[in-house]
Amino acid sequence: MARIYLEITFCDGKPLAAYLQLPRKPGDKVARSKKAEAGMVIDFAPDQRPIGIEITAPSAFSIEALNRVMASLNLAPASPTDVAPLIAA
């Protein structure tokens, strides 16, 4: 099973934004984006598969909100380990 991958951007030691890469195919590019729960934006490939979730408000992040978004996309929930760096930040 393909795993998710979390990237976090910091500014002055504080998280500025994060991006959760979802399973994708080689060459996938973002074709459109859609606002989700507070502080999250879903990126979709041209064939409408979700390929990433932008977390634009890391200070307001919760795994519960992320997993509601994941469920709405019919994806397996993220585990606390998957997002531990963001929770710690």
Foldseek 3Di string as FASTA:
>chain_A
DDDKAKDFDDDPRHTQKMKIFDDDDPPFDFPDWADAPPQWIWTAGPVGQTGMIIRRCLVPDDQVRVQVVCVVNVHDGDDCVRCVVSVVD
